[in-house]
Amino acid sequence: MFLVWPFGEKELEDTELEDAILRSDREGVARTLNRYPAYTDVIQTAFLIAIAIGNKEIVTMLIHKGADVRANTEEALSLAAAYGHVDLVRLFVVEYGCDIHAVEDDPLNMAVLYKHTNVAHLLLIYGANAQANNNAALKRAVDTGNVYLATLLLDYDADIHVDDDRLLLTAVLHNFIAMTELLLTRGSTDHPPPSWQQKKNESLWHAAYEGHLTIMQVLLDHGADVHAENDRALYETARQDEVQAARLLLSYGATDRDGRILRKAIRKGSHGVANLLRFVKQSVLPHSLSILHPSLNRKRE
């Protein structure tokens, strides 16, 4: 029994042939194959195991013995991509004409799922569709924080604004700083969709609630609106007593105009935020906000 991950277990009845493949014993494979005058299920299963092992010579031997390279909707190509075998992907596409778009570009999705950048790049060069299956590959790259793969897919026209800019919020929820910066930089086009500003604002609220200061700074520097929905971001800091997050937002001009946020902080027992808001409310000195964020002091020096 051999686990051809991620395609399940493959049981090869001929244990001698399986052992020879696992040892990459070319002569042993050739000797064992002489028992089989033509294609059988044994040959096809052995073929899949050889792909998982990544031995190109043995894979080619099994093809010559009758293994079907294109069986089960290009299973061989998807398997080679999942295991990151660049030479086998090239062999199947160039020499045997495997369809890289099979099952909504499953080979590309497999390469991204298992973080095989070289395979993903090769498939994209061959014409894989980065937007296939509603940009599934890009979603996977963002969800795992793989900036290099996300950049590669965006370079090949994956849609950064898919699902009403849900990708940005995904990166923020995971606290992926580099990914958030990438999406904000690449997504800020001359004519972004209406959802773009909304998702930046929404992402700021979530970051404020979690107290993720660096993400908040990145979002604010890329135009997230500190006043959106009646200073919702500042309100979120009161729910969790995220004092440093509140300081950052106040330094960018956030306000508690009607005392609603202060009352929320008091009810939640968020004493740090409550005291900070009281101080700001009572202060009459123009320079009072200089205590809120160190960057303001640096600007005065």
C-alpha atoms as a PDB file:
ATOM      1  CA  MET A   1       0.000   0.000   0.000  1.00  0.00           C
ATOM      2  CA  PHE A   2       1.441   3.385  -0.986  1.00  0.00           C
ATOM      3  CA  LEU A   3      -0.132   6.748  -0.227  1.00  0.00           C
ATOM      4  CA  VAL A   4      -0.169   8.780  -3.428  1.00  0.00           C
ATOM      5  CA  TRP A   5      -0.848  12.005  -1.564  1.00  0.00           C
ATOM      6  CA  PRO A   6      -3.170  13.885  -2.013  1.00  0.00           C
ATOM      7  CA  PHE A   7      -5.014  11.378  -4.196  1.00  0.00           C
ATOM      8  CA  GLY A   8      -5.536   8.621  -1.654  1.00  0.00           C
ATOM      9  CA  GLU A   9      -4.015   5.195  -1.239  1.00  0.00           C
ATOM     10  CA  LYS A  10      -2.927   3.211  -4.269  1.00  0.00           C
ATOM     11  CA  GLU A  11      -2.548  -0.517  -3.764  1.00  0.00           C
ATOM     12  CA  LEU A  12      -0.213  -2.269  -6.156  1.00  0.00           C
ATOM     13  CA  GLU A  13      -0.797  -6.015  -6.290  1.00  0.00           C
ATOM     14  CA  ASP A  14       2.724  -6.629  -7.509  1.00  0.00           C
ATOM     15  CA  THR A  15       4.793  -5.851  -4.410  1.00  0.00           C
ATOM     16  CA  GLU A  16       8.027  -6.578  -6.236  1.00  0.00           C
ATOM     17  CA  LEU A  17       7.249  -3.900  -8.812  1.00  0.00           C
ATOM     18  CA  GLU A  18       6.229  -1.461  -6.087  1.00  0.00           C
ATOM     19  CA  ASP A  19       9.441  -2.064  -4.149  1.00  0.00           C
ATOM     20  CA  ALA A  20      11.518  -1.526  -7.286  1.00  0.00           C
ATOM     21  CA  ILE A  21       9.753   1.786  -7.980  1.00  0.00           C
ATOM     22  CA  LEU A  22      10.210   2.964  -4.386  1.00  0.00           C
ATOM     23  CA  ARG A  23      13.928   2.131  -4.607  1.00  0.00           C
ATOM     24  CA  SER A  24      14.169   3.871  -8.013  1.00  0.00           C
ATOM     25  CA  ASP A  25      15.575   0.556  -9.281  1.00  0.00           C
ATOM     26  CA  ARG A  26      15.250   0.986 -13.029  1.00  0.00           C
ATOM     27  CA  GLU A  27      16.524  -2.507 -13.841  1.00  0.00           C
ATOM     28  CA  GLY A  28      14.247  -4.065 -11.261  1.00  0.00           C
ATOM     29  CA  VAL A  29      11.253  -2.227 -12.729  1.00  0.00           C
ATOM     30  CA  ALA A  30      12.193  -3.311 -16.254  1.00  0.00           C
ATOM     31  CA  ARG A  31      12.592  -6.927 -15.174  1.00  0.00           C
ATOM     32  CA  THR A  32       9.257  -6.956 -13.352  1.00  0.00           C
ATOM     33  CA  LEU A  33       7.426  -5.281 -16.241  1.00  0.00           C
ATOM     34  CA  ASN A  34       8.371  -8.178 -18.506  1.00  0.00           C
ATOM     35  CA  ARG A  35       5.664 -10.161 -16.739  1.00  0.00           C
ATOM     36  CA  TYR A  36       3.041  -7.937 -18.295  1.00  0.00           C
ATOM     37  CA  PRO A  37       2.610  -8.243 -22.068  1.00  0.00           C
ATOM     38  CA  ALA A  38       0.238  -5.283 -22.314  1.00  0.00           C
ATOM     39  CA  TYR A  39      -1.460  -2.520 -20.332  1.00  0.00           C
ATOM     40  CA  THR A  40      -3.142  -3.552 -17.086  1.00  0.00           C
ATOM     41  CA  ASP A  41      -4.431  -1.757 -14.007  1.00  0.00           C
ATOM     42  CA  VAL A  42      -1.163  -2.714 -12.343  1.00  0.00           C
ATOM     43  CA  ILE A  43       0.731  -0.621 -14.869  1.00  0.00           C
ATOM     44  CA  GLN A  44      -1.506   2.414 -14.300  1.00  0.00           C
ATOM     45  CA  THR A  45      -1.208   2.217 -10.510  1.00  0.00           C
ATOM     46  CA  ALA A  46       2.556   1.768 -10.770  1.00  0.00           C
ATOM     47  CA  PHE A  47       2.619   4.827 -13.018  1.00  0.00           C
ATOM     48  CA  LEU A  48       0.951   6.995 -10.367  1.00  0.00           C
ATOM     49  CA  ILE A  49       3.329   5.771  -7.681  1.00  0.00           C
ATOM     50  CA  ALA A  50       6.303   6.530  -9.925  1.00  0.00           C
ATOM     51  CA  ILE A  51       4.986  10.072 -10.457  1.00  0.00           C
ATOM     52  CA  ALA A  52       4.742  10.590  -6.705  1.00  0.00           C
ATOM     53  CA  ILE A  53       8.333   9.357  -6.308  1.00  0.00           C
ATOM     54  CA  GLY A  54       9.387  11.661  -9.151  1.00  0.00           C
ATOM     55  CA  ASN A  55      11.536   9.265 -11.149  1.00  0.00           C
ATOM     56  CA  LYS A  56      11.244  10.451 -14.738  1.00  0.00           C
ATOM     57  CA  GLU A  57      12.969   7.398 -16.227  1.00  0.00           C
ATOM     58  CA  ILE A  58      10.611   4.959 -14.559  1.00  0.00           C
ATOM     59  CA  VAL A  59       7.607   7.119 -15.417  1.00  0.00           C
ATOM     60  CA  THR A  60       8.663   7.044 -19.082  1.00  0.00           C
ATOM     61  CA  MET A  61       9.157   3.267 -18.965  1.00  0.00           C
ATOM     62  CA  LEU A  62       5.629   2.816 -17.651  1.00  0.00           C
ATOM     63  CA  ILE A  63       4.214   5.103 -20.347  1.00  0.00           C
ATOM     64  CA  HIS A  64       5.947   2.993 -22.982  1.00  0.00           C
ATOM     65  CA  LYS A  65       4.413  -0.049 -21.314  1.00  0.00           C
ATOM     66  CA  GLY A  66       0.969   1.460 -21.817  1.00  0.00           C
ATOM     67  CA  ALA A  67       0.235   3.708 -18.867  1.00  0.00           C
ATOM     68  CA  ASP A  68      -2.346   6.325 -19.841  1.00  0.00           C
ATOM     69  CA  VAL A  69      -0.885   9.786 -19.243  1.00  0.00           C
ATOM     70  CA  ARG A  70      -4.256  11.490 -19.641  1.00  0.00           C
ATOM     71  CA  ALA A  71      -6.482   9.136 -17.696  1.00  0.00           C
ATOM     72  CA  ASN A  72      -8.968  10.412 -15.106  1.00  0.00           C
ATOM     73  CA  THR A  73      -9.009  14.007 -16.369  1.00  0.00           C
ATOM     74  CA  GLU A  74      -5.247  14.580 -16.391  1.00  0.00           C
ATOM     75  CA  GLU A  75      -4.704  12.981 -12.972  1.00  0.00           C
ATOM     76  CA  ALA A  76      -1.034  12.437 -13.788  1.00  0.00           C
ATOM     77  CA  LEU A  77      -0.395  16.144 -14.404  1.00  0.00           C
ATOM     78  CA  SER A  78      -2.214  17.210 -11.255  1.00  0.00           C
ATOM     79  CA  LEU A  79      -0.275  14.642  -9.239  1.00  0.00           C
ATOM     80  CA  ALA A  80       3.061  15.804 -10.621  1.00  0.00           C
ATOM     81  CA  ALA A  81       2.114  19.388  -9.796  1.00  0.00           C
ATOM     82  CA  ALA A  82       1.053  18.447  -6.260  1.00  0.00           C
ATOM     83  CA  TYR A  83       4.417  16.806  -5.652  1.00  0.00           C
ATOM     84  CA  GLY A  84       6.360  19.659  -7.239  1.00  0.00           C
ATOM     85  CA  HIS A  85       8.070  17.631  -9.971  1.00  0.00           C
ATOM     86  CA  VAL A  86       8.882  20.282 -12.573  1.00  0.00           C
ATOM     87  CA  ASP A  87      10.461  17.827 -15.006  1.00  0.00           C
ATOM     88  CA  LEU A  88       7.380  15.612 -15.023  1.00  0.00           C
ATOM     89  CA  VAL A  89       5.029  18.557 -15.473  1.00  0.00           C
ATOM     90  CA  ARG A  90       7.115  19.649 -18.451  1.00  0.00           C
ATOM     91  CA  LEU A  91       7.139  16.096 -19.828  1.00  0.00           C
ATOM     92  CA  PHE A  92       3.367  15.676 -19.589  1.00  0.00           C
ATOM     93  CA  VAL A  93       2.524  19.078 -21.061  1.00  0.00           C
ATOM     94  CA  VAL A  94       5.150  19.388 -23.786  1.00  0.00           C
ATOM     95  CA  GLU A  95       5.620  15.797 -24.935  1.00  0.00           C
ATOM     96  CA  TYR A  96       2.228  14.265 -24.168  1.00  0.00           C
ATOM     97  CA  GLY A  97      -0.089  17.235 -24.597  1.00  0.00           C
ATOM     98  CA  CYS A  98      -1.784  17.120 -21.215  1.00  0.00           C
ATOM     99  CA  ASP A  99      -4.427  19.784 -20.725  1.00  0.00           C
ATOM    100  CA  ILE A 100      -3.305  22.307 -18.094  1.00  0.00           C
ATOM    101  CA  HIS A 101      -6.881  23.632 -17.892  1.00  0.00           C
ATOM    102  CA  ALA A 102      -8.404  20.310 -16.847  1.00  0.00           C
ATOM    103  CA  VAL A 103     -10.856  20.477 -13.935  1.00  0.00           C
ATOM    104  CA  GLU A 104     -10.722  24.286 -13.801  1.00  0.00           C
ATOM    105  CA  ASP A 105      -6.921  24.435 -13.967  1.00  0.00           C
ATOM    106  CA  ASP A 106      -6.497  21.887 -11.197  1.00  0.00           C
ATOM    107  CA  PRO A 107      -2.733  21.450 -11.827  1.00  0.00           C
ATOM    108  CA  LEU A 108      -2.144  25.126 -10.991  1.00  0.00           C
ATOM    109  CA  ASN A 109      -4.329  24.851  -7.907  1.00  0.00           C
ATOM    110  CA  MET A 110      -2.374  21.789  -6.771  1.00  0.00           C
ATOM    111  CA  ALA A 111       0.939  23.589  -7.227  1.00  0.00           C
ATOM    112  CA  VAL A 112      -0.264  26.560  -5.202  1.00  0.00           C
ATOM    113  CA  LEU A 113      -1.949  24.414  -2.551  1.00  0.00           C
ATOM    114  CA  TYR A 114       1.339  22.625  -1.841  1.00  0.00           C
ATOM    115  CA  LYS A 115       3.486  25.744  -2.359  1.00  0.00           C
ATOM    116  CA  HIS A 116       5.476  24.599  -5.375  1.00  0.00           C
ATOM    117  CA  THR A 117       6.352  27.978  -6.834  1.00  0.00           C
ATOM    118  CA  ASN A 118       8.476  26.671  -9.703  1.00  0.00           C
ATOM    119  CA  VAL A 119       5.683  24.389 -10.909  1.00  0.00           C
ATOM    120  CA  ALA A 120       3.094  27.168 -10.601  1.00  0.00           C
ATOM    121  CA  HIS A 121       5.331  29.505 -12.602  1.00  0.00           C
ATOM    122  CA  LEU A 122       5.903  26.898 -15.305  1.00  0.00           C
ATOM    123  CA  LEU A 123       2.161  26.242 -15.651  1.00  0.00           C
ATOM    124  CA  LEU A 124       1.462  29.956 -15.903  1.00  0.00           C
ATOM    125  CA  ILE A 125       4.107  30.266 -18.617  1.00  0.00           C
ATOM    126  CA  TYR A 126       2.365  27.432 -20.457  1.00  0.00           C
ATOM    127  CA  GLY A 127      -0.882  29.381 -20.261  1.00  0.00           C
ATOM    128  CA  ALA A 128      -2.631  28.293 -17.069  1.00  0.00           C
ATOM    129  CA  ASN A 129      -5.493  30.610 -16.181  1.00  0.00           C
ATOM    130  CA  ALA A 130      -4.737  32.463 -12.931  1.00  0.00           C
ATOM    131  CA  GLN A 131      -8.415  33.422 -12.662  1.00  0.00           C
ATOM    132  CA  ALA A 132      -9.743  29.871 -12.994  1.00  0.00           C
ATOM    133  CA  ASN A 133     -12.353  28.620 -10.535  1.00  0.00           C
ATOM    134  CA  ASN A 134     -13.053  32.158  -9.308  1.00  0.00           C
ATOM    135  CA  ASN A 135      -9.366  32.859  -8.648  1.00  0.00           C
ATOM    136  CA  ALA A 136      -9.005  29.813  -6.394  1.00  0.00           C
ATOM    137  CA  ALA A 137      -5.211  29.787  -6.651  1.00  0.00           C
ATOM    138  CA  LEU A 138      -4.868  33.411  -5.532  1.00  0.00           C
ATOM    139  CA  LYS A 139      -7.296  32.849  -2.675  1.00  0.00           C
ATOM    140  CA  ARG A 140      -5.187  29.923  -1.511  1.00  0.00           C
ATOM    141  CA  ALA A 141      -1.966  31.932  -1.721  1.00  0.00           C
ATOM    142  CA  VAL A 142      -3.455  34.781   0.301  1.00  0.00           C
ATOM    143  CA  ASP A 143      -5.014  32.452   2.859  1.00  0.00           C
ATOM    144  CA  THR A 144      -1.614  30.858   3.520  1.00  0.00           C
ATOM    145  CA  GLY A 145       0.317  34.134   3.485  1.00  0.00           C
ATOM    146  CA  ASN A 146       2.460  33.134   0.508  1.00  0.00           C
ATOM    147  CA  VAL A 147       3.479  36.536  -0.820  1.00  0.00           C
ATOM    148  CA  TYR A 148       5.691  35.166  -3.573  1.00  0.00           C
ATOM    149  CA  LEU A 149       2.948  32.989  -5.063  1.00  0.00           C
ATOM    150  CA  ALA A 150       0.371  35.759  -4.691  1.00  0.00           C
ATOM    151  CA  THR A 151       2.686  38.154  -6.515  1.00  0.00           C
ATOM    152  CA  LEU A 152       3.268  35.598  -9.257  1.00  0.00           C
ATOM    153  CA  LEU A 153      -0.452  35.033  -9.758  1.00  0.00           C
ATOM    154  CA  LEU A 154      -1.162  38.764  -9.817  1.00  0.00           C
ATOM    155  CA  ASP A 155       1.557  39.148 -12.438  1.00  0.00           C
ATOM    156  CA  TYR A 156      -0.432  36.694 -14.549  1.00  0.00           C
ATOM    157  CA  ASP A 157      -3.683  38.645 -14.170  1.00  0.00           C
ATOM    158  CA  ALA A 158      -5.352  37.008 -11.190  1.00  0.00           C
ATOM    159  CA  ASP A 159      -8.149  39.285 -10.004  1.00  0.00           C
ATOM    160  CA  ILE A 160      -7.129  41.052  -6.805  1.00  0.00           C
ATOM    161  CA  HIS A 161     -10.672  42.397  -6.347  1.00  0.00           C
ATOM    162  CA  VAL A 162     -12.405  39.007  -6.489  1.00  0.00           C
ATOM    163  CA  ASP A 163     -15.404  38.527  -4.200  1.00  0.00           C
ATOM    164  CA  ASP A 164     -15.750  42.230  -3.461  1.00  0.00           C
ATOM    165  CA  ASP A 165     -12.165  42.517  -2.221  1.00  0.00           C
ATOM    166  CA  ARG A 166     -12.482  39.759   0.336  1.00  0.00           C
ATOM    167  CA  LEU A 167      -8.769  38.951  -0.105  1.00  0.00           C
ATOM    168  CA  LEU A 168      -7.691  42.104   1.731  1.00  0.00           C
ATOM    169  CA  LEU A 169      -9.835  41.268   4.727  1.00  0.00           C
ATOM    170  CA  THR A 170      -8.505  37.703   4.706  1.00  0.00           C
ATOM    171  CA  ALA A 171      -4.921  38.939   4.932  1.00  0.00           C
ATOM    172  CA  VAL A 172      -5.801  41.345   7.735  1.00  0.00           C
ATOM    173  CA  LEU A 173      -7.674  38.722   9.737  1.00  0.00           C
ATOM    174  CA  HIS A 174      -4.580  36.503   9.586  1.00  0.00           C
ATOM    175  CA  ASN A 175      -2.364  39.470  10.536  1.00  0.00           C
ATOM    176  CA  PHE A 176      -0.283  38.885   7.395  1.00  0.00           C
ATOM    177  CA  ILE A 177       1.560  42.195   7.205  1.00  0.00           C
ATOM    178  CA  ALA A 178       3.520  41.617   3.995  1.00  0.00           C
ATOM    179  CA  MET A 179       0.467  40.184   2.232  1.00  0.00           C
ATOM    180  CA  THR A 180      -1.640  43.151   3.338  1.00  0.00           C
ATOM    181  CA  GLU A 181       0.973  45.545   1.975  1.00  0.00           C
ATOM    182  CA  LEU A 182       1.086  43.649  -1.321  1.00  0.00           C
ATOM    183  CA  LEU A 183      -2.681  43.715  -1.767  1.00  0.00           C
ATOM    184  CA  LEU A 184      -2.974  47.371  -0.841  1.00  0.00           C
ATOM    185  CA  THR A 185      -0.191  48.323  -3.242  1.00  0.00           C
ATOM    186  CA  ARG A 186      -1.453  46.238  -6.147  1.00  0.00           C
ATOM    187  CA  GLY A 187      -5.131  46.940  -5.512  1.00  0.00           C
ATOM    188  CA  SER A 188      -4.898  50.716  -5.429  1.00  0.00           C
ATOM    189  CA  THR A 189      -5.452  51.338  -9.120  1.00  0.00           C
ATOM    190  CA  ASP A 190      -6.725  54.521 -10.714  1.00  0.00           C
ATOM    191  CA  HIS A 191     -10.274  53.144 -10.773  1.00  0.00           C
ATOM    192  CA  PRO A 192     -10.758  50.557  -8.023  1.00  0.00           C
ATOM    193  CA  PRO A 193     -14.218  49.048  -7.555  1.00  0.00           C
ATOM    194  CA  PRO A 194     -16.573  50.589  -4.976  1.00  0.00           C
ATOM    195  CA  SER A 195     -15.886  47.691  -2.624  1.00  0.00           C
ATOM    196  CA  TRP A 196     -12.191  48.621  -2.318  1.00  0.00           C
ATOM    197  CA  GLN A 197     -12.534  51.580   0.054  1.00  0.00           C
ATOM    198  CA  GLN A 198     -15.229  49.793   2.034  1.00  0.00           C
ATOM    199  CA  LYS A 199     -13.015  46.743   2.498  1.00  0.00           C
ATOM    200  CA  LYS A 200     -10.087  48.904   3.604  1.00  0.00           C
ATOM    201  CA  ASN A 201     -12.290  50.504   6.212  1.00  0.00           C
ATOM    202  CA  GLU A 202     -13.724  47.189   7.329  1.00  0.00           C
ATOM    203  CA  SER A 203     -10.226  45.735   7.586  1.00  0.00           C
ATOM    204  CA  LEU A 204      -9.209  48.637   9.813  1.00  0.00           C
ATOM    205  CA  TRP A 205     -12.085  47.877  12.177  1.00  0.00           C
ATOM    206  CA  HIS A 206     -10.982  44.262  12.519  1.00  0.00           C
ATOM    207  CA  ALA A 207      -7.339  45.193  13.017  1.00  0.00           C
ATOM    208  CA  ALA A 208      -8.327  47.733  15.670  1.00  0.00           C
ATOM    209  CA  TYR A 209     -10.425  45.170  17.493  1.00  0.00           C
ATOM    210  CA  GLU A 210      -7.455  42.772  17.579  1.00  0.00           C
ATOM    211  CA  GLY A 211      -4.926  45.502  18.393  1.00  0.00           C
ATOM    212  CA  HIS A 212      -2.768  44.705  15.356  1.00  0.00           C
ATOM    213  CA  LEU A 213      -0.908  48.007  15.238  1.00  0.00           C
ATOM    214  CA  THR A 214       1.342  47.369  12.250  1.00  0.00           C
ATOM    215  CA  ILE A 215      -1.564  46.260  10.081  1.00  0.00           C
ATOM    216  CA  MET A 216      -3.519  49.312  11.219  1.00  0.00           C
ATOM    217  CA  GLN A 217      -0.632  51.593  10.282  1.00  0.00           C
ATOM    218  CA  VAL A 218      -0.378  49.995   6.843  1.00  0.00           C
ATOM    219  CA  LEU A 219      -4.109  50.388   6.257  1.00  0.00           C
ATOM    220  CA  LEU A 220      -4.142  54.001   7.396  1.00  0.00           C
ATOM    221  CA  ASP A 221      -1.143  54.814   5.208  1.00  0.00           C
ATOM    222  CA  HIS A 222      -3.034  53.358   2.242  1.00  0.00           C
ATOM    223  CA  GLY A 223      -6.150  55.411   2.775  1.00  0.00           C
ATOM    224  CA  ALA A 224      -8.375  53.536   5.196  1.00  0.00           C
ATOM    225  CA  ASP A 225     -10.853  56.097   6.545  1.00  0.00           C
ATOM    226  CA  VAL A 226     -10.448  56.549  10.287  1.00  0.00           C
ATOM    227  CA  HIS A 227     -13.890  58.221  10.452  1.00  0.00           C
ATOM    228  CA  ALA A 228     -15.816  55.576   8.488  1.00  0.00           C
ATOM    229  CA  GLU A 229     -19.154  54.605  10.042  1.00  0.00           C
ATOM    230  CA  ASN A 230     -18.920  57.163  12.811  1.00  0.00           C
ATOM    231  CA  ASP A 231     -15.344  56.260  13.826  1.00  0.00           C
ATOM    232  CA  ARG A 232     -16.102  52.551  13.927  1.00  0.00           C
ATOM    233  CA  ALA A 233     -12.424  51.630  14.274  1.00  0.00           C
ATOM    234  CA  LEU A 234     -12.068  53.624  17.486  1.00  0.00           C
ATOM    235  CA  TYR A 235     -15.293  52.044  18.738  1.00  0.00           C
ATOM    236  CA  GLU A 236     -13.772  48.585  18.212  1.00  0.00           C
ATOM    237  CA  THR A 237     -10.818  49.427  20.455  1.00  0.00           C
ATOM    238  CA  ALA A 238     -13.263  50.157  23.282  1.00  0.00           C
ATOM    239  CA  ARG A 239     -14.689  46.645  23.028  1.00  0.00           C
ATOM    240  CA  GLN A 240     -11.312  45.037  23.759  1.00  0.00           C
ATOM    241  CA  ASP A 241      -9.519  47.818  25.687  1.00  0.00           C
ATOM    242  CA  GLU A 242      -6.884  48.094  22.953  1.00  0.00           C
ATOM    243  CA  VAL A 243      -5.273  51.259  24.272  1.00  0.00           C
ATOM    244  CA  GLN A 244      -2.366  51.430  21.823  1.00  0.00           C
ATOM    245  CA  ALA A 245      -4.713  50.922  18.900  1.00  0.00           C
ATOM    246  CA  ALA A 246      -6.903  53.741  20.216  1.00  0.00           C
ATOM    247  CA  ARG A 247      -3.838  55.993  20.541  1.00  0.00           C
ATOM    248  CA  LEU A 248      -2.893  55.301  16.933  1.00  0.00           C
ATOM    249  CA  LEU A 249      -6.389  56.086  15.655  1.00  0.00           C
ATOM    250  CA  LEU A 250      -6.620  59.279  17.699  1.00  0.00           C
ATOM    251  CA  SER A 251      -3.285  60.371  16.279  1.00  0.00           C
ATOM    252  CA  TYR A 252      -4.856  60.056  12.820  1.00  0.00           C
ATOM    253  CA  GLY A 253      -7.783  62.224  13.851  1.00  0.00           C
ATOM    254  CA  ALA A 254     -10.333  59.744  15.162  1.00  0.00           C
ATOM    255  CA  THR A 255     -12.881  61.319  17.483  1.00  0.00           C
ATOM    256  CA  ASP A 256     -15.592  60.366  19.934  1.00  0.00           C
ATOM    257  CA  ARG A 257     -17.917  63.196  18.993  1.00  0.00           C
ATOM    258  CA  ASP A 258     -20.939  62.258  21.078  1.00  0.00           C
ATOM    259  CA  GLY A 259     -19.309  60.284  23.869  1.00  0.00           C
ATOM    260  CA  ARG A 260     -20.736  57.027  22.517  1.00  0.00           C
ATOM    261  CA  ILE A 261     -17.352  55.299  22.434  1.00  0.00           C
ATOM    262  CA  LEU A 262     -16.458  56.409  25.954  1.00  0.00           C
ATOM    263  CA  ARG A 263     -19.747  55.027  27.237  1.00  0.00           C
ATOM    264  CA  LYS A 264     -19.071  51.747  25.447  1.00  0.00           C
ATOM    265  CA  ALA A 265     -15.608  51.524  27.023  1.00  0.00           C
ATOM    266  CA  ILE A 266     -17.055  52.116  30.488  1.00  0.00           C
ATOM    267  CA  ARG A 267     -19.730  49.456  29.994  1.00  0.00           C
ATOM    268  CA  LYS A 268     -17.171  46.932  28.755  1.00  0.00           C
ATOM    269  CA  GLY A 269     -14.740  47.678  31.583  1.00  0.00           C
ATOM    270  CA  SER A 270     -12.168  48.924  29.088  1.00  0.00           C
ATOM    271  CA  HIS A 271     -10.545  51.250  31.594  1.00  0.00           C
ATOM    272  CA  GLY A 272      -7.463  52.057  29.518  1.00  0.00           C
ATOM    273  CA  VAL A 273      -9.430  53.271  26.515  1.00  0.00           C
ATOM    274  CA  ALA A 274     -11.941  55.034  28.764  1.00  0.00           C
ATOM    275  CA  ASN A 275      -9.201  56.975  30.550  1.00  0.00           C
ATOM    276  CA  LEU A 276      -7.557  57.865  27.249  1.00  0.00           C
ATOM    277  CA  LEU A 277     -10.827  59.205  25.830  1.00  0.00           C
ATOM    278  CA  ARG A 278     -11.494  61.177  29.003  1.00  0.00           C
ATOM    279  CA  PHE A 279      -8.069  62.761  28.757  1.00  0.00           C
ATOM    280  CA  VAL A 280      -8.555  63.729  25.116  1.00  0.00           C
ATOM    281  CA  LYS A 281     -12.031  65.097  25.824  1.00  0.00           C
ATOM    282  CA  GLN A 282     -10.866  67.212  28.753  1.00  0.00           C
ATOM    283  CA  SER A 283      -7.613  68.434  27.251  1.00  0.00           C
ATOM    284  CA  VAL A 284      -7.578  71.941  25.844  1.00  0.00           C
ATOM    285  CA  LEU A 285      -3.932  72.077  24.781  1.00  0.00           C
ATOM    286  CA  PRO A 286      -3.308  71.934  21.011  1.00  0.00           C
ATOM    287  CA  HIS A 287      -0.269  69.749  21.553  1.00  0.00           C
ATOM    288  CA  SER A 288      -2.063  67.236  23.767  1.00  0.00           C
ATOM    289  CA  LEU A 289      -2.282  64.607  21.040  1.00  0.00           C
ATOM    290  CA  SER A 290       1.521  64.386  20.965  1.00  0.00           C
ATOM    291  CA  ILE A 291       1.311  61.735  23.662  1.00  0.00           C
ATOM    292  CA  LEU A 292      -0.913  59.559  21.545  1.00  0.00           C
ATOM    293  CA  HIS A 293       1.545  58.355  18.978  1.00  0.00           C
ATOM    294  CA  PRO A 294       5.354  58.556  19.020  1.00  0.00           C
ATOM    295  CA  SER A 295       5.479  59.491  15.338  1.00  0.00           C
ATOM    296  CA  LEU A 296       3.882  62.844  16.122  1.00  0.00           C
ATOM    297  CA  ASN A 297       6.726  63.734  18.456  1.00  0.00           C
ATOM    298  CA  ARG A 298       9.247  62.745  15.851  1.00  0.00           C
ATOM    299  CA  LYS A 299       7.648  65.043  13.312  1.00  0.00           C
ATOM    300  CA  ARG A 300       8.136  67.993  15.678  1.00  0.00           C
ATOM    301  CA  GLU A 301      11.838  67.337  16.175  1.00  0.00           C
END
